[in-house]
């Protein structure tokens, strides 16, 4: 990739770099180092998909905090505490076989209900046994809870 490019707004020189950029969500603000192409003349910027993905995990963690949802590291910590694989967690707790991979990688955030369930199980892990029993009954064709 070239070190410089021509600015589409003013014709000035754009260079690769990272700048602190303020992001806002629901009235809350965070400043993240945003990589991209920045014009020295007019302050215009160009962001590639990779540039935007560079700040996505930090922004999702910020969004989770603002919304009161479990952030990726917390989801992972609780799942491991419960001794569940990502696949098994998705089957027992809900969301499907790939849900926890998405939550923990920061590709998706858990719902408020899932965050609440994880918080409950973090504080009372013995309740997992009841959920496992329900799942086992369903797998065996007995749908009574």
N, C-alpha and C. Protein backbone atom coordinates (compact mmCIF):
# COMPACT_ATOMS: atom_id res chain seq x y z
N UNK A 1 0.86 -1.18 0.00
CA UNK A 1 0.00 0.00 0.00
C UNK A 1 0.90 1.24 0.00
N UNK A 2 0.51 2.24 -0.75
CA UNK A 2 1.28 3.48 -0.86
C UNK A 2 1.28 4.23 0.47
N UNK A 3 2.32 5.05 0.66
CA UNK A 3 2.44 5.84 1.89
C UNK A 3 1.54 7.07 1.87
N UNK A 4 1.23 7.54 0.66
CA UNK A 4 0.38 8.73 0.54
C UNK A 4 -0.63 8.53 -0.58
N UNK A 5 -1.65 9.35 -0.58
CA UNK A 5 -2.63 9.38 -1.67
C UNK A 5 -3.18 10.80 -1.76
N UNK A 6 -3.85 11.10 -2.87
CA UNK A 6 -4.40 12.44 -3.09
C UNK A 6 -5.77 12.53 -2.43
N UNK A 7 -6.00 13.61 -1.72
CA UNK A 7 -7.29 13.85 -1.05
C UNK A 7 -8.38 14.10 -2.09
N UNK A 8 -9.47 13.42 -1.97
CA UNK A 8 -10.59 13.57 -2.90
C UNK A 8 -11.34 14.89 -2.71
N UNK A 9 -11.16 15.55 -1.58
CA UNK A 9 -11.83 16.82 -1.31
C UNK A 9 -11.04 18.03 -1.80
N UNK A 10 -9.75 18.08 -1.43
CA UNK A 10 -8.98 19.30 -1.71
C UNK A 10 -7.76 19.08 -2.61
N UNK A 11 -7.45 17.81 -2.93
CA UNK A 11 -6.28 17.53 -3.74
C UNK A 11 -4.99 17.50 -2.95
N UNK A 12 -5.07 17.71 -1.65
CA UNK A 12 -3.89 17.68 -0.79
C UNK A 12 -3.36 16.27 -0.59
N UNK A 13 -2.34 16.17 0.24
CA UNK A 13 -1.70 14.88 0.48
C UNK A 13 -2.34 14.20 1.69
N UNK A 14 -2.74 12.94 1.48
CA UNK A 14 -3.26 12.12 2.58
C UNK A 14 -2.21 11.10 2.95
N UNK A 15 -2.05 10.87 4.23
CA UNK A 15 -1.09 9.89 4.71
C UNK A 15 -1.77 8.92 5.68
N UNK A 16 -1.23 7.71 5.75
CA UNK A 16 -1.74 6.72 6.71
C UNK A 16 -1.34 7.14 8.11
N UNK A 17 -2.21 6.89 9.03
CA UNK A 17 -1.91 7.18 10.42
C UNK A 17 -3.08 6.79 11.29
N UNK A 18 -2.99 7.16 12.54
CA UNK A 18 -4.08 6.93 13.49
C UNK A 18 -4.31 8.23 14.25
N UNK A 19 -5.57 8.56 14.46
CA UNK A 19 -5.94 9.77 15.18
C UNK A 19 -6.97 9.43 16.24
N UNK A 20 -6.95 10.16 17.34
CA UNK A 20 -8.02 9.96 18.33
C UNK A 20 -9.34 10.48 17.75
N UNK A 21 -10.34 9.62 17.75
CA UNK A 21 -11.66 9.98 17.21
C UNK A 21 -12.70 9.72 18.29
N UNK A 22 -13.58 10.69 18.47
CA UNK A 22 -14.64 10.55 19.47
C UNK A 22 -15.84 9.84 18.85
N UNK A 23 -16.31 8.80 19.52
CA UNK A 23 -17.51 8.08 19.12
C UNK A 23 -18.56 8.33 20.20
N UNK A 24 -19.82 8.43 19.77
CA UNK A 24 -20.91 8.67 20.72
C UNK A 24 -21.97 7.60 20.53
N UNK A 25 -22.51 7.13 21.65
CA UNK A 25 -23.58 6.15 21.64
C UNK A 25 -24.48 6.44 22.83
N UNK A 26 -25.75 6.72 22.54
CA UNK A 26 -26.74 7.01 23.58
C UNK A 26 -26.27 8.08 24.57
N UNK A 27 -25.65 9.11 24.03
CA UNK A 27 -25.21 10.23 24.86
C UNK A 27 -23.89 10.01 25.58
N UNK A 28 -23.34 8.82 25.52
CA UNK A 28 -22.05 8.52 26.12
C UNK A 28 -20.96 8.61 25.05
N UNK A 29 -19.77 9.01 25.45
CA UNK A 29 -18.69 9.21 24.49
C UNK A 29 -17.45 8.41 24.87
N UNK A 30 -16.72 8.02 23.82
CA UNK A 30 -15.45 7.33 24.00
C UNK A 30 -14.51 7.83 22.91
N UNK A 31 -13.24 7.90 23.22
CA UNK A 31 -12.23 8.29 22.23
C UNK A 31 -11.38 7.06 21.93
N UNK A 32 -11.31 6.72 20.63
CA UNK A 32 -10.54 5.57 20.18
C UNK A 32 -9.52 6.01 19.14
N UNK A 33 -8.38 5.35 19.11
CA UNK A 33 -7.37 5.61 18.08
C UNK A 33 -7.85 4.95 16.78
N UNK A 34 -8.22 5.79 15.82
CA UNK A 34 -8.79 5.30 14.57
C UNK A 34 -7.75 5.34 13.46
N UNK A 35 -7.32 4.17 12.95
CA UNK A 35 -6.42 4.18 11.80
C UNK A 35 -7.16 4.61 10.54
N UNK A 36 -6.43 5.18 9.61
CA UNK A 36 -7.04 5.59 8.35
C UNK A 36 -6.10 6.48 7.55
N UNK A 37 -6.64 7.05 6.49
CA UNK A 37 -5.95 8.03 5.67
C UNK A 37 -6.43 9.41 6.10
N UNK A 38 -5.49 10.30 6.41
CA UNK A 38 -5.85 11.63 6.90
C UNK A 38 -5.15 12.70 6.06
N UNK A 39 -5.93 13.72 5.66
CA UNK A 39 -5.41 14.82 4.85
C UNK A 39 -4.80 15.88 5.76
N UNK A 40 -3.60 16.28 5.43
CA UNK A 40 -2.91 17.31 6.20
C UNK A 40 -3.47 18.69 5.91
N UNK A 41 -4.13 18.86 4.75
CA UNK A 41 -4.62 20.19 4.35
C UNK A 41 -6.03 20.51 4.84
N UNK A 42 -6.94 19.55 4.70
CA UNK A 42 -8.35 19.87 4.98
C UNK A 42 -9.00 19.03 6.07
N UNK A 43 -8.24 18.16 6.71
CA UNK A 43 -8.76 17.32 7.79
C UNK A 43 -9.72 16.23 7.31
N UNK A 44 -9.85 16.03 6.00
CA UNK A 44 -10.68 14.94 5.47
C UNK A 44 -10.03 13.61 5.81
N UNK A 45 -10.85 12.57 5.93
CA UNK A 45 -10.30 11.24 6.21
C UNK A 45 -10.97 10.21 5.32
N UNK A 46 -10.25 9.11 5.09
CA UNK A 46 -10.77 7.97 4.36
C UNK A 46 -10.48 6.74 5.20
N UNK A 47 -11.53 5.97 5.49
CA UNK A 47 -11.37 4.76 6.29
C UNK A 47 -11.71 3.55 5.44
N UNK A 48 -10.84 2.56 5.47
CA UNK A 48 -11.12 1.30 4.79
C UNK A 48 -11.93 0.41 5.72
N UNK A 49 -12.42 -0.70 5.19
CA UNK A 49 -13.12 -1.66 6.03
C UNK A 49 -12.23 -2.16 7.17
N UNK A 50 -10.97 -2.41 6.85
CA UNK A 50 -10.02 -2.87 7.87
C UNK A 50 -9.81 -1.80 8.94
N UNK A 51 -9.79 -0.53 8.53
CA UNK A 51 -9.64 0.56 9.50
C UNK A 51 -10.81 0.59 10.48
N UNK A 52 -12.02 0.42 9.93
CA UNK A 52 -13.21 0.45 10.79
C UNK A 52 -13.25 -0.78 11.70
N UNK A 53 -12.81 -1.93 11.19
CA UNK A 53 -12.79 -3.14 12.00
C UNK A 53 -11.76 -3.06 13.12
N UNK A 54 -10.75 -2.22 12.95
CA UNK A 54 -9.71 -2.08 13.99
C UNK A 54 -10.29 -1.50 15.29
N UNK A 55 -11.30 -0.65 15.19
CA UNK A 55 -11.90 -0.06 16.38
C UNK A 55 -13.20 -0.76 16.81
N UNK A 56 -13.69 -1.68 15.99
CA UNK A 56 -14.97 -2.33 16.27
C UNK A 56 -15.01 -3.07 17.61
N UNK A 57 -14.00 -3.88 17.98
CA UNK A 57 -14.07 -4.56 19.28
C UNK A 57 -14.17 -3.60 20.46
N UNK A 58 -13.39 -2.53 20.44
CA UNK A 58 -13.43 -1.56 21.54
C UNK A 58 -14.78 -0.84 21.57
N UNK A 59 -15.32 -0.53 20.40
CA UNK A 59 -16.62 0.14 20.36
C UNK A 59 -17.72 -0.79 20.86
N UNK A 60 -17.67 -2.08 20.48
CA UNK A 60 -18.69 -3.02 20.97
C UNK A 60 -18.62 -3.19 22.48
N UNK A 61 -17.42 -3.19 23.04
CA UNK A 61 -17.28 -3.29 24.50
C UNK A 61 -17.87 -2.04 25.17
N UNK A 62 -17.61 -0.87 24.58
CA UNK A 62 -18.18 0.39 25.07
C UNK A 62 -19.71 0.34 25.00
N UNK A 63 -20.24 -0.13 23.86
CA UNK A 63 -21.69 -0.23 23.67
C UNK A 63 -22.30 -1.18 24.70
N UNK A 64 -21.64 -2.30 24.94
CA UNK A 64 -22.13 -3.26 25.94
C UNK A 64 -22.21 -2.60 27.31
N UNK A 65 -21.19 -1.85 27.67
CA UNK A 65 -21.17 -1.17 28.96
C UNK A 65 -22.32 -0.17 29.08
N UNK A 66 -22.51 0.63 28.02
CA UNK A 66 -23.59 1.63 28.03
C UNK A 66 -24.95 0.95 28.15
N UNK A 67 -25.13 -0.17 27.45
CA UNK A 67 -26.42 -0.87 27.45
C UNK A 67 -26.60 -1.83 28.63
N UNK A 68 -25.58 -1.96 29.47
CA UNK A 68 -25.66 -2.87 30.61
C UNK A 68 -25.61 -4.33 30.19
N UNK A 69 -24.90 -4.62 29.10
CA UNK A 69 -24.78 -6.00 28.61
C UNK A 69 -23.41 -6.55 28.99
N UNK A 70 -23.31 -7.87 29.01
CA UNK A 70 -22.04 -8.51 29.31
C UNK A 70 -21.08 -8.32 28.13
N UNK A 71 -19.91 -7.71 28.37
CA UNK A 71 -18.94 -7.56 27.28
C UNK A 71 -18.26 -8.89 26.97
N UNK A 72 -17.59 -8.99 25.81
CA UNK A 72 -17.00 -10.27 25.37
C UNK A 72 -16.15 -10.98 26.42
N UNK A 73 -15.26 -10.28 27.10
CA UNK A 73 -14.38 -10.93 28.08
C UNK A 73 -15.17 -11.50 29.25
N UNK A 74 -16.24 -10.82 29.63
CA UNK A 74 -17.07 -11.28 30.74
C UNK A 74 -17.86 -12.53 30.34
N UNK A 75 -18.37 -12.54 29.11
CA UNK A 75 -19.08 -13.72 28.61
C UNK A 75 -18.15 -14.92 28.65
N UNK A 76 -16.93 -14.73 28.15
CA UNK A 76 -15.94 -15.82 28.12
C UNK A 76 -15.59 -16.30 29.53
N UNK A 77 -15.37 -15.35 30.45
CA UNK A 77 -15.01 -15.71 31.82
C UNK A 77 -16.10 -16.55 32.47
N UNK A 78 -17.36 -16.13 32.32
CA UNK A 78 -18.47 -16.84 32.95
C UNK A 78 -18.65 -18.22 32.32
N UNK A 79 -18.58 -18.29 31.00
CA UNK A 79 -18.73 -19.58 30.32
C UNK A 79 -17.67 -20.58 30.80
N UNK A 80 -16.43 -20.10 30.89
CA UNK A 80 -15.35 -20.97 31.36
C UNK A 80 -15.53 -21.36 32.82
N UNK A 81 -16.02 -20.44 33.63
CA UNK A 81 -16.31 -20.74 35.04
C UNK A 81 -17.33 -21.87 35.14
N UNK A 82 -18.30 -21.86 34.22
CA UNK A 82 -19.35 -22.88 34.20
C UNK A 82 -18.88 -24.18 33.54
N UNK A 83 -17.64 -24.16 33.02
CA UNK A 83 -17.05 -25.33 32.36
C UNK A 83 -17.87 -25.80 31.16
N UNK A 84 -18.30 -24.83 30.35
CA UNK A 84 -19.06 -25.13 29.14
C UNK A 84 -18.24 -24.75 27.92
N UNK A 85 -18.32 -25.56 26.87
CA UNK A 85 -17.75 -25.16 25.59
C UNK A 85 -18.66 -24.07 25.00
N UNK A 86 -18.18 -23.37 24.01
CA UNK A 86 -19.02 -22.36 23.38
C UNK A 86 -20.27 -23.00 22.79
N UNK A 87 -20.10 -24.13 22.13
CA UNK A 87 -21.23 -24.82 21.51
C UNK A 87 -22.26 -25.24 22.56
N UNK A 88 -21.79 -25.87 23.64
CA UNK A 88 -22.69 -26.36 24.70
C UNK A 88 -23.40 -25.18 25.38
N UNK A 89 -22.68 -24.09 25.59
CA UNK A 89 -23.31 -22.90 26.20
C UNK A 89 -24.45 -22.41 25.32
N UNK A 90 -24.24 -22.37 24.02
CA UNK A 90 -25.29 -21.92 23.10
C UNK A 90 -26.50 -22.84 23.10
N UNK A 91 -26.26 -24.13 23.25
CA UNK A 91 -27.36 -25.09 23.27
C UNK A 91 -28.13 -25.04 24.59
N UNK A 92 -27.41 -24.95 25.70
CA UNK A 92 -28.07 -24.98 27.01
C UNK A 92 -28.68 -23.62 27.37
N UNK A 93 -27.92 -22.54 27.16
CA UNK A 93 -28.37 -21.21 27.59
C UNK A 93 -29.19 -20.50 26.52
N UNK A 94 -29.03 -20.92 25.28
CA UNK A 94 -29.78 -20.32 24.18
C UNK A 94 -28.89 -19.55 23.23
N UNK A 95 -29.45 -19.25 22.08
CA UNK A 95 -28.73 -18.48 21.08
C UNK A 95 -28.19 -19.30 19.94
N UNK A 96 -28.10 -20.61 20.12
CA UNK A 96 -27.61 -21.48 19.06
C UNK A 96 -26.15 -21.83 19.22
N UNK A 97 -25.69 -22.75 18.39
CA UNK A 97 -24.36 -23.33 18.55
C UNK A 97 -23.23 -22.33 18.32
N UNK A 98 -23.47 -21.25 17.58
CA UNK A 98 -22.42 -20.27 17.29
C UNK A 98 -22.54 -18.98 18.10
N UNK A 99 -23.56 -18.87 18.93
CA UNK A 99 -23.82 -17.63 19.66
C UNK A 99 -22.63 -17.20 20.52
N UNK A 100 -22.07 -18.11 21.29
CA UNK A 100 -21.01 -17.73 22.21
C UNK A 100 -19.71 -17.39 21.50
N UNK A 101 -19.48 -18.02 20.35
CA UNK A 101 -18.31 -17.65 19.55
C UNK A 101 -18.46 -16.20 19.11
N UNK A 102 -19.66 -15.81 18.72
CA UNK A 102 -19.92 -14.43 18.29
C UNK A 102 -19.82 -13.46 19.47
N UNK A 103 -20.38 -13.82 20.61
CA UNK A 103 -20.31 -12.95 21.79
C UNK A 103 -18.87 -12.72 22.23
N UNK A 104 -18.11 -13.80 22.29
CA UNK A 104 -16.75 -13.73 22.83
C UNK A 104 -15.76 -13.10 21.86
N UNK A 105 -16.04 -13.18 20.57
CA UNK A 105 -15.15 -12.57 19.58
C UNK A 105 -15.50 -11.10 19.36
N UNK A 106 -16.62 -10.64 19.92
CA UNK A 106 -17.03 -9.26 19.74
C UNK A 106 -17.76 -9.02 18.43
N UNK A 107 -18.16 -10.07 17.74
CA UNK A 107 -18.91 -9.92 16.49
C UNK A 107 -20.38 -9.61 16.76
N UNK A 108 -20.84 -9.96 17.95
CA UNK A 108 -22.24 -9.72 18.33
C UNK A 108 -22.29 -9.55 19.84
N UNK A 109 -23.29 -8.85 20.31
CA UNK A 109 -23.47 -8.68 21.75
C UNK A 109 -24.61 -9.56 22.23
N UNK A 110 -24.51 -10.10 23.43
CA UNK A 110 -25.63 -10.87 23.97
C UNK A 110 -26.81 -9.94 24.25
N UNK A 111 -28.00 -10.51 24.27
CA UNK A 111 -29.18 -9.73 24.62
C UNK A 111 -29.14 -9.38 26.11
N UNK A 112 -30.02 -8.51 26.51
CA UNK A 112 -30.15 -8.18 27.93
C UNK A 112 -30.52 -9.44 28.72
N UNK A 113 -31.43 -10.24 28.15
CA UNK A 113 -31.85 -11.48 28.84
C UNK A 113 -30.66 -12.43 29.01
N UNK A 114 -29.85 -12.60 27.97
CA UNK A 114 -28.68 -13.48 28.07
C UNK A 114 -27.68 -12.92 29.06
N UNK A 115 -27.47 -11.61 29.04
CA UNK A 115 -26.56 -10.98 30.00
C UNK A 115 -27.03 -11.20 31.43
N UNK A 116 -28.35 -11.07 31.64
CA UNK A 116 -28.91 -11.31 32.97
C UNK A 116 -28.74 -12.77 33.39
N UNK A 117 -28.98 -13.69 32.45
CA UNK A 117 -28.82 -15.11 32.75
C UNK A 117 -27.37 -15.42 33.11
N UNK A 118 -26.43 -14.87 32.35
CA UNK A 118 -25.02 -15.10 32.65
C UNK A 118 -24.64 -14.53 34.02
N UNK A 119 -25.16 -13.36 34.34
CA UNK A 119 -24.91 -12.77 35.66
C UNK A 119 -25.46 -13.63 36.78
N UNK A 120 -26.66 -14.16 36.57
CA UNK A 120 -27.28 -15.04 37.56
C UNK A 120 -26.45 -16.31 37.75
N UNK A 121 -26.02 -16.92 36.64
CA UNK A 121 -25.22 -18.14 36.73
C UNK A 121 -23.83 -17.87 37.28
N UNK A 122 -23.32 -16.68 37.06
CA UNK A 122 -22.02 -16.32 37.63
C UNK A 122 -22.11 -16.30 39.16
N UNK A 123 -23.24 -15.79 39.67
CA UNK A 123 -23.45 -15.72 41.12
C UNK A 123 -23.96 -17.02 41.73
N UNK A 124 -24.68 -17.81 40.94
CA UNK A 124 -25.25 -19.06 41.44
C UNK A 124 -25.05 -20.17 40.41
N UNK A 125 -23.81 -20.62 40.23
CA UNK A 125 -23.51 -21.61 39.18
C UNK A 125 -24.26 -22.93 39.34
N UNK A 126 -24.71 -23.25 40.54
CA UNK A 126 -25.45 -24.50 40.74
C UNK A 126 -26.75 -24.53 39.95
N UNK A 127 -27.29 -23.36 39.59
CA UNK A 127 -28.52 -23.30 38.80
C UNK A 127 -28.34 -23.89 37.40
N UNK A 128 -27.10 -23.98 36.95
CA UNK A 128 -26.83 -24.56 35.64
C UNK A 128 -27.36 -25.99 35.55
N UNK A 129 -27.27 -26.73 36.66
CA UNK A 129 -27.74 -28.12 36.68
C UNK A 129 -29.20 -28.21 36.25
N UNK A 130 -30.02 -27.26 36.68
CA UNK A 130 -31.44 -27.25 36.30
C UNK A 130 -31.59 -27.03 34.79
N UNK A 131 -30.81 -26.12 34.24
CA UNK A 131 -30.88 -25.86 32.80
C UNK A 131 -30.40 -27.06 32.00
N UNK A 132 -29.36 -27.73 32.48
CA UNK A 132 -28.87 -28.94 31.81
C UNK A 132 -29.95 -30.02 31.83
N UNK A 133 -30.64 -30.16 32.96
CA UNK A 133 -31.71 -31.16 33.06
C UNK A 133 -32.84 -30.86 32.08
N UNK A 134 -33.19 -29.59 31.94
CA UNK A 134 -34.24 -29.20 30.99
C UNK A 134 -33.80 -29.55 29.57
N UNK A 135 -32.56 -29.21 29.23
CA UNK A 135 -32.04 -29.51 27.90
C UNK A 135 -32.02 -31.01 27.64
N UNK A 136 -31.62 -31.79 28.63
CA UNK A 136 -31.57 -33.26 28.49
C UNK A 136 -32.96 -33.82 28.24
N UNK A 137 -33.96 -33.32 28.99
CA UNK A 137 -35.33 -33.79 28.77
C UNK A 137 -35.80 -33.45 27.36
N UNK A 138 -35.48 -32.27 26.88
CA UNK A 138 -35.88 -31.88 25.52
C UNK A 138 -35.22 -32.76 24.48
N UNK A 139 -33.94 -33.06 24.69
CA UNK A 139 -33.22 -33.93 23.75
C UNK A 139 -33.78 -35.34 23.75
N UNK A 140 -34.33 -35.75 24.87
CA UNK A 140 -34.92 -37.10 24.99
C UNK A 140 -36.39 -37.12 24.61
N UNK A 141 -36.91 -36.01 24.12
CA UNK A 141 -38.28 -35.96 23.66
C UNK A 141 -39.31 -35.67 24.72
N UNK A 142 -38.87 -35.35 25.93
CA UNK A 142 -39.81 -35.03 27.00
C UNK A 142 -39.77 -33.52 27.19
N UNK A 143 -40.80 -32.83 26.82
CA UNK A 143 -40.82 -31.36 26.83
C UNK A 143 -41.43 -30.76 28.07
N UNK A 144 -41.48 -31.46 29.15
CA UNK A 144 -42.02 -30.88 30.38
C UNK A 144 -40.91 -30.20 31.15
N UNK A 145 -41.17 -29.03 31.64
CA UNK A 145 -40.21 -28.27 32.45
C UNK A 145 -40.72 -28.22 33.84
